Amino acid sequence: MIKNLFIFLFPLLSFGQITFSEADSLFQNKEYIKAENGLISILKGNPNDKKSLKLLGEIYAAQEKWDEAVLVFKKLVEIEPENAEYHYRYGGAMGMQAVRSNAVAAFFMIDNVRDEFLTAIELDKNHIDAHWALVVFYTELPGIIGGSYKKAFSYSNKLKTISLVDYYLSKGYIYEHKEEVELAEENYFKAVEVGGSYTCFQKLTDLYENEGEYQKAINTIEKANNKLQRNSLNYQLGKISAAYNLELDKGEKCLLKYIEDYKPEDGTPLERAYYRLAQIYRHKNDKASALKWIEKSLKFKPEFESAQEEKELVLKM
């Protein structure tokens, strides 16, 4: 019922205790268990160290350990009740805990989640994430248990004087949820004009793809790439080209570029780029090239089911 409500929200102990900066570095490198163990060791000596507690809460959230995250952020709220960020984090962690609970338990947690976001705004009227959280809260929650587009728009409107780009993005989000596609497109387009960030372009692209406007999605990705020069956009264009048999030459070029310039931080693993390239060559009736790239994909990840299915299609050519 509220599955998507809060999705947007969020070592070295061999010879001695690690430092906070070492734990933070491990966290940035996604070595969560080592970072977690290191921070737990630090907190044994100083259990109310806010900096370490906050990072530990973020580590728990990254691992989707929501019960543990709730306890950590609750403690931070108790230590410093006037800190808006702690209330926001506590509300977000409780929201995700509610998502994982049964429907009855989740129902009784809803008011507490909302109240933490409201408290964050009371403490910091310019807290963008807390405003966004309430936009999502009232948009996603069914009306029978408190959802309200009117309230969602009220918090979206407050963003206008705090962050104009977030104002347009949040309005687009609400309209998209209401299935008012033209108004969603209008607001996402304004967000692109005002902010021009990766997120702005991504929301507009996703809207077009969800609505089956694949050529518009490709055109939007091209505009984004011309401005932002991000390798991940090469993959996105190639993916849409391969999936919907559109602009195949352009898709081929983008995927080859993605593979050539690939770095782990680009996000999508190489086996998926190889898989999409194989799709493009299959659409082009180039069996040899399609087979070459699908084999590369399966070499990287033999259990990749989509690639296995693609290989069967290629072999039938």
C-alpha atoms as a PDB file:
ATOM      1  CA  MET A   1       0.000   0.000   0.000  1.00  0.00           C
ATOM      2  CA  ILE A   2       2.807   2.436   0.831  1.00  0.00           C
ATOM      3  CA  LYS A   3       5.620   0.457  -0.768  1.00  0.00           C
ATOM      4  CA  ASN A   4       7.059   3.410  -2.711  1.00  0.00           C
ATOM      5  CA  LEU A   5       6.477   6.002  -0.017  1.00  0.00           C
ATOM      6  CA  PHE A   6       9.977   6.635   1.170  1.00  0.00           C
ATOM      7  CA  ILE A   7      12.125   5.044  -1.424  1.00  0.00           C
ATOM      8  CA  PHE A   8      13.546   8.416  -2.398  1.00  0.00           C
ATOM      9  CA  LEU A   9      14.866   8.877   1.041  1.00  0.00           C
ATOM     10  CA  PHE A  10      18.052   7.595   1.327  1.00  0.00           C
ATOM     11  CA  PRO A  11      38.194  -2.132   8.472  1.00  0.00           C
ATOM     12  CA  LEU A  12      40.298  -2.604   9.749  1.00  0.00           C
ATOM     13  CA  LEU A  13      39.952  -3.906  13.223  1.00  0.00           C
ATOM     14  CA  SER A  14      42.908  -6.229  13.116  1.00  0.00           C
ATOM     15  CA  PHE A  15      45.446  -4.268  15.172  1.00  0.00           C
ATOM     16  CA  GLY A  16      43.551  -1.267  16.488  1.00  0.00           C
ATOM     17  CA  GLN A  17      40.570   1.040  16.284  1.00  0.00           C
ATOM     18  CA  ILE A  18      40.085   2.928  13.046  1.00  0.00           C
ATOM     19  CA  THR A  19      39.491   6.661  12.877  1.00  0.00           C
ATOM     20  CA  PHE A  20      36.265   8.343  11.803  1.00  0.00           C
ATOM     21  CA  SER A  21      37.842   9.499   8.532  1.00  0.00           C
ATOM     22  CA  GLU A  22      38.889   5.915   7.773  1.00  0.00           C
ATOM     23  CA  ALA A  23      35.341   4.722   8.461  1.00  0.00           C
ATOM     24  CA  ASP A  24      33.981   7.460   6.225  1.00  0.00           C
ATOM     25  CA  SER A  25      36.381   6.450   3.454  1.00  0.00           C
ATOM     26  CA  LEU A  26      35.227   2.835   3.758  1.00  0.00           C
ATOM     27  CA  PHE A  27      31.618   4.010   3.539  1.00  0.00           C
ATOM     28  CA  GLN A  28      32.346   6.037   0.392  1.00  0.00           C
ATOM     29  CA  ASN A  29      33.920   2.900  -1.119  1.00  0.00           C
ATOM     30  CA  LYS A  30      30.806   0.887  -0.164  1.00  0.00           C
ATOM     31  CA  GLU A  31      32.737  -1.308   2.246  1.00  0.00           C
ATOM     32  CA  TYR A  32      29.790  -1.113   4.589  1.00  0.00           C
ATOM     33  CA  ILE A  33      30.511  -3.966   6.985  1.00  0.00           C
ATOM     34  CA  LYS A  34      34.060  -2.791   7.694  1.00  0.00           C
ATOM     35  CA  ALA A  35      32.855   0.784   8.166  1.00  0.00           C
ATOM     36  CA  GLU A  36      30.008  -0.371  10.418  1.00  0.00           C
ATOM     37  CA  ASN A  37      32.312  -2.464  12.617  1.00  0.00           C
ATOM     38  CA  GLY A  38      34.801   0.378  12.862  1.00  0.00           C
ATOM     39  CA  LEU A  39      32.168   2.893  13.951  1.00  0.00           C
ATOM     40  CA  ILE A  40      30.699   0.503  16.505  1.00  0.00           C
ATOM     41  CA  SER A  41      34.202   0.239  17.980  1.00  0.00           C
ATOM     42  CA  ILE A  42      34.557   4.043  18.051  1.00  0.00           C
ATOM     43  CA  LEU A  43      31.159   4.440  19.723  1.00  0.00           C
ATOM     44  CA  LYS A  44      32.071   2.028  22.502  1.00  0.00           C
ATOM     45  CA  GLY A  45      34.448   4.695  23.750  1.00  0.00           C
ATOM     46  CA  ASN A  46      32.142   7.640  23.023  1.00  0.00           C
ATOM     47  CA  PRO A  47      28.526   6.447  22.661  1.00  0.00           C
ATOM     48  CA  ASN A  48      27.111   9.943  22.087  1.00  0.00           C
ATOM     49  CA  ASP A  49      29.497  10.999  19.322  1.00  0.00           C
ATOM     50  CA  LYS A  50      26.998  12.583  16.907  1.00  0.00           C
ATOM     51  CA  LYS A  51      29.263  12.487  13.873  1.00  0.00           C
ATOM     52  CA  SER A  52      29.897   8.756  14.246  1.00  0.00           C
ATOM     53  CA  LEU A  53      26.243   8.014  15.007  1.00  0.00           C
ATOM     54  CA  LYS A  54      25.067   9.883  11.912  1.00  0.00           C
ATOM     55  CA  LEU A  55      27.498   8.005   9.667  1.00  0.00           C
ATOM     56  CA  LEU A  56      26.502   4.704  11.274  1.00  0.00           C
ATOM     57  CA  GLY A  57      22.851   5.499  10.549  1.00  0.00           C
ATOM     58  CA  GLU A  58      23.722   6.237   6.918  1.00  0.00           C
ATOM     59  CA  ILE A  59      25.610   2.936   6.690  1.00  0.00           C
ATOM     60  CA  TYR A  60      22.634   1.036   8.077  1.00  0.00           C
ATOM     61  CA  ALA A  61      20.373   2.811   5.572  1.00  0.00           C
ATOM     62  CA  ALA A  62      22.704   1.937   2.698  1.00  0.00           C
ATOM     63  CA  GLN A  63      22.400  -1.732   3.727  1.00  0.00           C
ATOM     64  CA  GLU A  64      18.630  -1.397   4.240  1.00  0.00           C
ATOM     65  CA  LYS A  65      19.003  -2.307   7.905  1.00  0.00           C
ATOM     66  CA  TRP A  66      16.070  -0.118   8.809  1.00  0.00           C
ATOM     67  CA  ASP A  67      15.494  -1.373  12.357  1.00  0.00           C
ATOM     68  CA  GLU A  68      19.074  -0.485  13.253  1.00  0.00           C
ATOM     69  CA  ALA A  69      18.896   2.845  11.391  1.00  0.00           C
ATOM     70  CA  VAL A  70      15.766   3.826  13.311  1.00  0.00           C
ATOM     71  CA  LEU A  71      17.484   3.211  16.635  1.00  0.00           C
ATOM     72  CA  VAL A  72      20.525   5.268  15.657  1.00  0.00           C
ATOM     73  CA  PHE A  73      18.566   8.264  14.348  1.00  0.00           C
ATOM     74  CA  LYS A  74      16.197   8.111  17.330  1.00  0.00           C
ATOM     75  CA  LYS A  75      19.230   8.402  19.589  1.00  0.00           C
ATOM     76  CA  LEU A  76      20.485  11.399  17.617  1.00  0.00           C
ATOM     77  CA  VAL A  77      17.089  13.088  17.984  1.00  0.00           C
ATOM     78  CA  GLU A  78      17.238  12.469  21.734  1.00  0.00           C
ATOM     79  CA  ILE A  79      20.785  13.879  21.952  1.00  0.00           C
ATOM     80  CA  GLU A  80      19.987  16.966  19.867  1.00  0.00           C
ATOM     81  CA  PRO A  81      16.214  17.471  19.543  1.00  0.00           C
ATOM     82  CA  GLU A  82      16.610  20.844  17.800  1.00  0.00           C
ATOM     83  CA  ASN A  83      18.464  19.359  14.820  1.00  0.00           C
ATOM     84  CA  ALA A  84      16.172  19.314  11.751  1.00  0.00           C
ATOM     85  CA  GLU A  85      18.353  16.890   9.805  1.00  0.00           C
ATOM     86  CA  TYR A  86      18.160  14.274  12.552  1.00  0.00           C
ATOM     87  CA  HIS A  87      14.355  14.448  12.603  1.00  0.00           C
ATOM     88  CA  TYR A  88      14.261  14.126   8.803  1.00  0.00           C
ATOM     89  CA  ARG A  89      16.557  11.102   8.885  1.00  0.00           C
ATOM     90  CA  TYR A  90      14.596   9.525  11.735  1.00  0.00           C
ATOM     91  CA  GLY A  91      11.331   9.969   9.839  1.00  0.00           C
ATOM     92  CA  GLY A  92      12.806   8.520   6.666  1.00  0.00           C
ATOM     93  CA  ALA A  93      14.194   5.472   8.465  1.00  0.00           C
ATOM     94  CA  MET A  94      10.849   4.879  10.181  1.00  0.00           C
ATOM     95  CA  GLY A  95       9.128   5.200   6.817  1.00  0.00           C
ATOM     96  CA  MET A  96      11.283   2.478   5.336  1.00  0.00           C
ATOM     97  CA  GLN A  97      10.756   0.367   8.456  1.00  0.00           C
ATOM     98  CA  ALA A  98       7.002   0.785   7.889  1.00  0.00           C
ATOM     99  CA  VAL A  99       7.336  -0.335   4.283  1.00  0.00           C
ATOM    100  CA  ARG A 100       8.970  -3.547   5.493  1.00  0.00           C
ATOM    101  CA  SER A 101       6.309  -4.116   8.165  1.00  0.00           C
ATOM    102  CA  ASN A 102       2.888  -5.672   7.766  1.00  0.00           C
ATOM    103  CA  ALA A 103       0.037  -3.387   6.753  1.00  0.00           C
ATOM    104  CA  VAL A 104      -1.381  -3.047  10.263  1.00  0.00           C
ATOM    105  CA  ALA A 105       1.965  -2.105  11.807  1.00  0.00           C
ATOM    106  CA  ALA A 106       2.684   0.309   8.961  1.00  0.00           C
ATOM    107  CA  PHE A 107      -0.673   2.026   9.460  1.00  0.00           C
ATOM    108  CA  PHE A 108       0.143   2.825  13.093  1.00  0.00           C
ATOM    109  CA  MET A 109       3.575   4.196  12.145  1.00  0.00           C
ATOM    110  CA  ILE A 110       2.321   6.693   9.554  1.00  0.00           C
ATOM    111  CA  ASP A 111       1.585   9.539  11.972  1.00  0.00           C
ATOM    112  CA  ASN A 112       5.005   9.253  13.597  1.00  0.00           C
ATOM    113  CA  VAL A 113       6.720   9.388  10.230  1.00  0.00           C
ATOM    114  CA  ARG A 114       4.781  12.470   9.156  1.00  0.00           C
ATOM    115  CA  ASP A 115       5.385  14.201  12.488  1.00  0.00           C
ATOM    116  CA  GLU A 116       9.161  13.810  12.188  1.00  0.00           C
ATOM    117  CA  PHE A 117       9.129  15.480   8.764  1.00  0.00           C
ATOM    118  CA  LEU A 118       6.906  18.268  10.093  1.00  0.00           C
ATOM    119  CA  THR A 119       9.259  18.772  13.019  1.00  0.00           C
ATOM    120  CA  ALA A 120      12.205  19.040  10.633  1.00  0.00           C
ATOM    121  CA  ILE A 121      10.428  21.844   8.769  1.00  0.00           C
ATOM    122  CA  GLU A 122       9.473  23.607  11.999  1.00  0.00           C
ATOM    123  CA  LEU A 123      13.132  23.608  12.982  1.00  0.00           C
ATOM    124  CA  ASP A 124      14.392  24.552   9.506  1.00  0.00           C
ATOM    125  CA  LYS A 125      11.820  26.124   7.206  1.00  0.00           C
ATOM    126  CA  ASN A 126      14.265  25.818   4.297  1.00  0.00           C
ATOM    127  CA  HIS A 127      14.904  22.068   4.663  1.00  0.00           C
ATOM    128  CA  ILE A 128      14.408  20.941   1.063  1.00  0.00           C
ATOM    129  CA  ASP A 129      14.479  17.191   1.725  1.00  0.00           C
ATOM    130  CA  ALA A 130      11.843  17.410   4.465  1.00  0.00           C
ATOM    131  CA  HIS A 131       9.523  19.341   2.134  1.00  0.00           C
ATOM    132  CA  TRP A 132      10.106  16.720  -0.539  1.00  0.00           C
ATOM    133  CA  ALA A 133       9.410  13.963   1.977  1.00  0.00           C
ATOM    134  CA  LEU A 134       5.997  15.459   2.725  1.00  0.00           C
ATOM    135  CA  VAL A 135       5.259  15.886  -0.987  1.00  0.00           C
ATOM    136  CA  VAL A 136       5.957  12.174  -1.477  1.00  0.00           C
ATOM    137  CA  PHE A 137       4.122  11.254   1.738  1.00  0.00           C
ATOM    138  CA  TYR A 138       0.853  12.935   0.752  1.00  0.00           C
ATOM    139  CA  THR A 139       1.138  11.946  -2.922  1.00  0.00           C
ATOM    140  CA  GLU A 140       1.789   8.248  -2.365  1.00  0.00           C
ATOM    141  CA  LEU A 141      -0.435   7.628   0.646  1.00  0.00           C
ATOM    142  CA  PRO A 142      -3.976   6.510  -0.228  1.00  0.00           C
ATOM    143  CA  GLY A 143      -6.594   9.118   0.570  1.00  0.00           C
ATOM    144  CA  ILE A 144      -8.419   6.829   2.964  1.00  0.00           C
ATOM    145  CA  ILE A 145      -5.481   6.933   5.384  1.00  0.00           C
ATOM    146  CA  GLY A 146      -4.389  10.528   4.934  1.00  0.00           C
ATOM    147  CA  GLY A 147      -3.100  10.964   1.391  1.00  0.00           C
ATOM    148  CA  SER A 148      -3.957  14.293  -0.187  1.00  0.00           C
ATOM    149  CA  TYR A 149      -2.876  15.884  -3.463  1.00  0.00           C
ATOM    150  CA  LYS A 150      -3.941  19.241  -2.026  1.00  0.00           C
ATOM    151  CA  LYS A 151      -1.494  18.869   0.856  1.00  0.00           C
ATOM    152  CA  ALA A 152       1.197  17.543  -1.482  1.00  0.00           C
ATOM    153  CA  PHE A 153       0.842  20.658  -3.637  1.00  0.00           C
ATOM    154  CA  SER A 154       0.972  22.868  -0.542  1.00  0.00           C
ATOM    155  CA  TYR A 155       4.440  21.564   0.352  1.00  0.00           C
ATOM    156  CA  SER A 156       5.487  21.696  -3.284  1.00  0.00           C
ATOM    157  CA  ASN A 157       4.439  25.355  -3.413  1.00  0.00           C
ATOM    158  CA  LYS A 158       6.579  26.138  -0.357  1.00  0.00           C
ATOM    159  CA  LEU A 159       9.601  24.909  -2.294  1.00  0.00           C
ATOM    160  CA  LYS A 160       9.149  27.745  -4.803  1.00  0.00           C
ATOM    161  CA  THR A 161      10.935  30.246  -2.582  1.00  0.00           C
ATOM    162  CA  ILE A 162      13.502  27.723  -1.327  1.00  0.00           C
ATOM    163  CA  SER A 163      14.561  25.974  -4.532  1.00  0.00           C
ATOM    164  CA  LEU A 164      12.842  26.761  -7.827  1.00  0.00           C
ATOM    165  CA  VAL A 165      14.116  23.617  -9.517  1.00  0.00           C
ATOM    166  CA  ASP A 166      12.754  21.440  -6.693  1.00  0.00           C
ATOM    167  CA  TYR A 167       9.450  23.283  -6.961  1.00  0.00           C
ATOM    168  CA  TYR A 168       9.098  22.293 -10.627  1.00  0.00           C
ATOM    169  CA  LEU A 169      10.374  18.743 -10.036  1.00  0.00           C
ATOM    170  CA  SER A 170       7.944  18.184  -7.177  1.00  0.00           C
ATOM    171  CA  LYS A 171       5.008  19.538  -9.182  1.00  0.00           C
ATOM    172  CA  GLY A 172       5.970  17.277 -12.074  1.00  0.00           C
ATOM    173  CA  TYR A 173       6.154  14.352  -9.664  1.00  0.00           C
ATOM    174  CA  ILE A 174       2.646  14.991  -8.317  1.00  0.00           C
ATOM    175  CA  TYR A 175       1.138  15.475 -11.780  1.00  0.00           C
ATOM    176  CA  GLU A 176       2.834  12.318 -13.021  1.00  0.00           C
ATOM    177  CA  HIS A 177       1.328  10.401 -10.107  1.00  0.00           C
ATOM    178  CA  LYS A 178      -2.073  11.882 -10.989  1.00  0.00           C
ATOM    179  CA  GLU A 179      -1.518  10.705 -14.594  1.00  0.00           C
ATOM    180  CA  GLU A 180      -1.775  14.280 -15.868  1.00  0.00           C
ATOM    181  CA  VAL A 181       1.051  13.738 -18.313  1.00  0.00           C
ATOM    182  CA  GLU A 182       1.031  17.099 -20.111  1.00  0.00           C
ATOM    183  CA  LEU A 183       1.303  19.013 -16.839  1.00  0.00           C
ATOM    184  CA  ALA A 184       4.025  16.659 -15.610  1.00  0.00           C
ATOM    185  CA  GLU A 185       5.965  17.204 -18.841  1.00  0.00           C
ATOM    186  CA  GLU A 186       5.518  20.974 -18.595  1.00  0.00           C
ATOM    187  CA  ASN A 187       6.950  21.092 -15.084  1.00  0.00           C
ATOM    188  CA  TYR A 188       9.821  18.701 -15.761  1.00  0.00           C
ATOM    189  CA  PHE A 189      10.696  20.775 -18.809  1.00  0.00           C
ATOM    190  CA  LYS A 190      10.762  23.912 -16.655  1.00  0.00           C
ATOM    191  CA  ALA A 191      13.020  22.088 -14.199  1.00  0.00           C
ATOM    192  CA  VAL A 192      15.400  21.336 -17.068  1.00  0.00           C
ATOM    193  CA  GLU A 193      15.377  24.999 -18.077  1.00  0.00           C
ATOM    194  CA  VAL A 194      15.979  26.253 -14.532  1.00  0.00           C
ATOM    195  CA  GLY A 195      18.350  23.607 -13.207  1.00  0.00           C
ATOM    196  CA  GLY A 196      19.606  21.602 -16.153  1.00  0.00           C
ATOM    197  CA  SER A 197      20.968  18.906 -13.849  1.00  0.00           C
ATOM    198  CA  TYR A 198      21.212  15.188 -14.501  1.00  0.00           C
ATOM    199  CA  THR A 199      18.197  14.634 -12.244  1.00  0.00           C
ATOM    200  CA  CYS A 200      16.081  17.135 -14.193  1.00  0.00           C
ATOM    201  CA  PHE A 201      16.836  15.506 -17.524  1.00  0.00           C
ATOM    202  CA  GLN A 202      16.360  12.038 -16.002  1.00  0.00           C
ATOM    203  CA  LYS A 203      12.855  12.801 -14.734  1.00  0.00           C
ATOM    204  CA  LEU A 204      11.808  14.085 -18.159  1.00  0.00           C
ATOM    205  CA  THR A 205      13.398  11.098 -19.901  1.00  0.00           C
ATOM    206  CA  ASP A 206      11.697   8.646 -17.539  1.00  0.00           C
ATOM    207  CA  LEU A 207       8.337  10.293 -18.164  1.00  0.00           C
ATOM    208  CA  TYR A 208       8.733   9.926 -21.932  1.00  0.00           C
ATOM    209  CA  GLU A 209       9.872   6.322 -21.644  1.00  0.00           C
ATOM    210  CA  ASN A 210       6.999   5.421 -19.301  1.00  0.00           C
ATOM    211  CA  GLU A 211       4.549   6.991 -21.743  1.00  0.00           C
ATOM    212  CA  GLY A 212       6.020   5.174 -24.760  1.00  0.00           C
ATOM    213  CA  GLU A 213       7.430   8.399 -26.242  1.00  0.00           C
ATOM    214  CA  TYR A 214      10.756   6.748 -27.000  1.00  0.00           C
ATOM    215  CA  GLN A 215      11.964   9.188 -29.639  1.00  0.00           C
ATOM    216  CA  LYS A 216      11.350  12.078 -27.253  1.00  0.00           C
ATOM    217  CA  ALA A 217      13.298  10.165 -24.617  1.00  0.00           C
ATOM    218  CA  ILE A 218      16.253   9.766 -26.990  1.00  0.00           C
ATOM    219  CA  ASN A 219      16.131  13.453 -27.948  1.00  0.00           C
ATOM    220  CA  THR A 220      16.124  14.454 -24.277  1.00  0.00           C
ATOM    221  CA  ILE A 221      19.107  12.224 -23.481  1.00  0.00           C
ATOM    222  CA  GLU A 222      21.012  13.762 -26.401  1.00  0.00           C
ATOM    223  CA  LYS A 223      20.360  17.261 -25.076  1.00  0.00           C
ATOM    224  CA  ALA A 224      21.473  16.171 -21.617  1.00  0.00           C
ATOM    225  CA  ASN A 225      24.669  14.607 -22.941  1.00  0.00           C
ATOM    226  CA  ASN A 226      25.532  17.660 -25.014  1.00  0.00           C
ATOM    227  CA  LYS A 227      25.321  19.737 -21.851  1.00  0.00           C
ATOM    228  CA  LEU A 228      26.569  17.389 -19.132  1.00  0.00           C
ATOM    229  CA  GLN A 229      28.959  15.025 -20.940  1.00  0.00           C
ATOM    230  CA  ARG A 230      28.223  12.092 -18.621  1.00  0.00           C
ATOM    231  CA  ASN A 231      29.095   8.612 -19.779  1.00  0.00           C
ATOM    232  CA  SER A 232      26.032   7.113 -18.096  1.00  0.00           C
ATOM    233  CA  LEU A 233      23.906   9.025 -20.616  1.00  0.00           C
ATOM    234  CA  ASN A 234      25.592   7.119 -23.445  1.00  0.00           C
ATOM    235  CA  TYR A 235      24.321   3.903 -21.892  1.00  0.00           C
ATOM    236  CA  GLN A 236      20.818   5.291 -21.407  1.00  0.00           C
ATOM    237  CA  LEU A 237      20.488   6.291 -25.036  1.00  0.00           C
ATOM    238  CA  GLY A 238      21.888   2.953 -26.188  1.00  0.00           C
ATOM    239  CA  LYS A 239      19.505   1.085 -23.903  1.00  0.00           C
ATOM    240  CA  ILE A 240      16.423   2.795 -25.341  1.00  0.00           C
ATOM    241  CA  SER A 241      17.730   2.356 -28.877  1.00  0.00           C
ATOM    242  CA  ALA A 242      18.280  -1.372 -28.292  1.00  0.00           C
ATOM    243  CA  ALA A 243      15.075  -2.005 -26.369  1.00  0.00           C
ATOM    244  CA  TYR A 244      12.765  -0.279 -28.864  1.00  0.00           C
ATOM    245  CA  ASN A 245      14.676  -0.702 -32.150  1.00  0.00           C
ATOM    246  CA  LEU A 246      15.154   3.032 -32.683  1.00  0.00           C
ATOM    247  CA  GLU A 247      18.083   5.115 -33.967  1.00  0.00           C
ATOM    248  CA  LEU A 248      20.272   2.011 -34.139  1.00  0.00           C
ATOM    249  CA  ASP A 249      23.385   3.718 -35.496  1.00  0.00           C
ATOM    250  CA  LYS A 250      23.165   6.321 -32.767  1.00  0.00           C
ATOM    251  CA  GLY A 251      22.594   3.639 -30.123  1.00  0.00           C
ATOM    252  CA  GLU A 252      25.546   1.604 -31.371  1.00  0.00           C
ATOM    253  CA  LYS A 253      27.839   4.627 -31.248  1.00  0.00           C
ATOM    254  CA  CYS A 254      26.753   5.544 -27.717  1.00  0.00           C
ATOM    255  CA  LEU A 255      27.199   2.034 -26.338  1.00  0.00           C
ATOM    256  CA  LEU A 256      30.652   1.681 -27.869  1.00  0.00           C
ATOM    257  CA  LYS A 257      31.533   5.046 -26.321  1.00  0.00           C
ATOM    258  CA  TYR A 258      30.185   3.915 -22.955  1.00  0.00           C
ATOM    259  CA  ILE A 259      32.287   0.748 -23.080  1.00  0.00           C
ATOM    260  CA  GLU A 260      35.414   2.629 -24.158  1.00  0.00           C
ATOM    261  CA  ASP A 261      35.124   5.242 -21.381  1.00  0.00           C
ATOM    262  CA  TYR A 262      33.626   2.980 -18.707  1.00  0.00           C
ATOM    263  CA  LYS A 263      34.399   3.558 -15.044  1.00  0.00           C
ATOM    264  CA  PRO A 264      32.650   1.785 -12.144  1.00  0.00           C
ATOM    265  CA  GLU A 265      31.075   5.070 -11.048  1.00  0.00           C
ATOM    266  CA  ASP A 266      29.185   5.202 -14.365  1.00  0.00           C
ATOM    267  CA  GLY A 267      26.718   2.883 -12.687  1.00  0.00           C
ATOM    268  CA  THR A 268      25.620   0.285 -15.205  1.00  0.00           C
ATOM    269  CA  PRO A 269      27.961  -2.763 -15.337  1.00  0.00           C
ATOM    270  CA  LEU A 270      29.661  -3.628 -18.597  1.00  0.00           C
ATOM    271  CA  GLU A 271      27.779  -6.886 -19.128  1.00  0.00           C
ATOM    272  CA  ARG A 272      24.578  -4.861 -19.581  1.00  0.00           C
ATOM    273  CA  ALA A 273      26.214  -2.600 -22.156  1.00  0.00           C
ATOM    274  CA  TYR A 274      27.446  -5.688 -24.041  1.00  0.00           C
ATOM    275  CA  TYR A 275      23.923  -7.145 -23.870  1.00  0.00           C
ATOM    276  CA  ARG A 276      22.342  -3.976 -25.282  1.00  0.00           C
ATOM    277  CA  LEU A 277      24.943  -3.820 -28.046  1.00  0.00           C
ATOM    278  CA  ALA A 278      24.107  -7.408 -28.989  1.00  0.00           C
ATOM    279  CA  GLN A 279      20.442  -6.400 -29.208  1.00  0.00           C
ATOM    280  CA  ILE A 280      21.287  -3.584 -31.585  1.00  0.00           C
ATOM    281  CA  TYR A 281      23.283  -5.881 -33.874  1.00  0.00           C
ATOM    282  CA  ARG A 282      20.429  -8.381 -33.834  1.00  0.00           C
ATOM    283  CA  HIS A 283      18.063  -5.608 -34.930  1.00  0.00           C
ATOM    284  CA  LYS A 284      20.575  -4.858 -37.697  1.00  0.00           C
ATOM    285  CA  ASN A 285      20.609  -8.538 -38.729  1.00  0.00           C
ATOM    286  CA  ASP A 286      24.341  -8.738 -37.981  1.00  0.00           C
ATOM    287  CA  LYS A 287      24.439 -12.193 -36.365  1.00  0.00           C
ATOM    288  CA  ALA A 288      28.225 -12.418 -36.015  1.00  0.00           C
ATOM    289  CA  SER A 289      28.509  -9.121 -34.141  1.00  0.00           C
ATOM    290  CA  ALA A 290      25.445  -9.866 -32.030  1.00  0.00           C
ATOM    291  CA  LEU A 291      26.894 -13.231 -31.013  1.00  0.00           C
ATOM    292  CA  LYS A 292      30.277 -11.680 -30.232  1.00  0.00           C
ATOM    293  CA  TRP A 293      28.814  -9.155 -27.791  1.00  0.00           C
ATOM    294  CA  ILE A 294      26.341 -11.488 -26.123  1.00  0.00           C
ATOM    295  CA  GLU A 295      29.163 -13.940 -25.478  1.00  0.00           C
ATOM    296  CA  LYS A 296      31.163 -11.120 -23.866  1.00  0.00           C
ATOM    297  CA  SER A 297      28.173 -10.323 -21.674  1.00  0.00           C
ATOM    298  CA  LEU A 298      27.785 -13.917 -20.535  1.00  0.00           C
ATOM    299  CA  LYS A 299      31.507 -14.259 -19.934  1.00  0.00           C
ATOM    300  CA  PHE A 300      31.242 -11.401 -17.429  1.00  0.00           C
ATOM    301  CA  LYS A 301      28.066 -12.768 -15.846  1.00  0.00           C
ATOM    302  CA  PRO A 302      27.106 -16.321 -16.885  1.00  0.00           C
ATOM    303  CA  GLU A 303      23.858 -16.237 -14.837  1.00  0.00           C
ATOM    304  CA  PHE A 304      22.587 -13.079 -16.609  1.00  0.00           C
ATOM    305  CA  GLU A 305      19.129 -14.323 -17.660  1.00  0.00           C
ATOM    306  CA  SER A 306      18.316 -11.545 -20.137  1.00  0.00           C
ATOM    307  CA  ALA A 307      21.607 -12.197 -21.909  1.00  0.00           C
ATOM    308  CA  GLN A 308      20.882 -15.918 -21.998  1.00  0.00           C
ATOM    309  CA  GLU A 309      17.515 -15.202 -23.619  1.00  0.00           C
ATOM    310  CA  GLU A 310      19.135 -12.814 -26.077  1.00  0.00           C
ATOM    311  CA  LYS A 311      21.669 -15.465 -27.082  1.00  0.00           C
ATOM    312  CA  GLU A 312      18.828 -17.822 -27.944  1.00  0.00           C
ATOM    313  CA  LEU A 313      17.289 -15.150 -30.182  1.00  0.00           C
ATOM    314  CA  VAL A 314      20.627 -14.512 -31.871  1.00  0.00           C
ATOM    315  CA  LEU A 315      21.238 -18.200 -32.512  1.00  0.00           C
ATOM    316  CA  LYS A 316      17.830 -18.442 -34.206  1.00  0.00           C
ATOM    317  CA  MET A 317      18.762 -15.751 -36.756  1.00  0.00           C
END
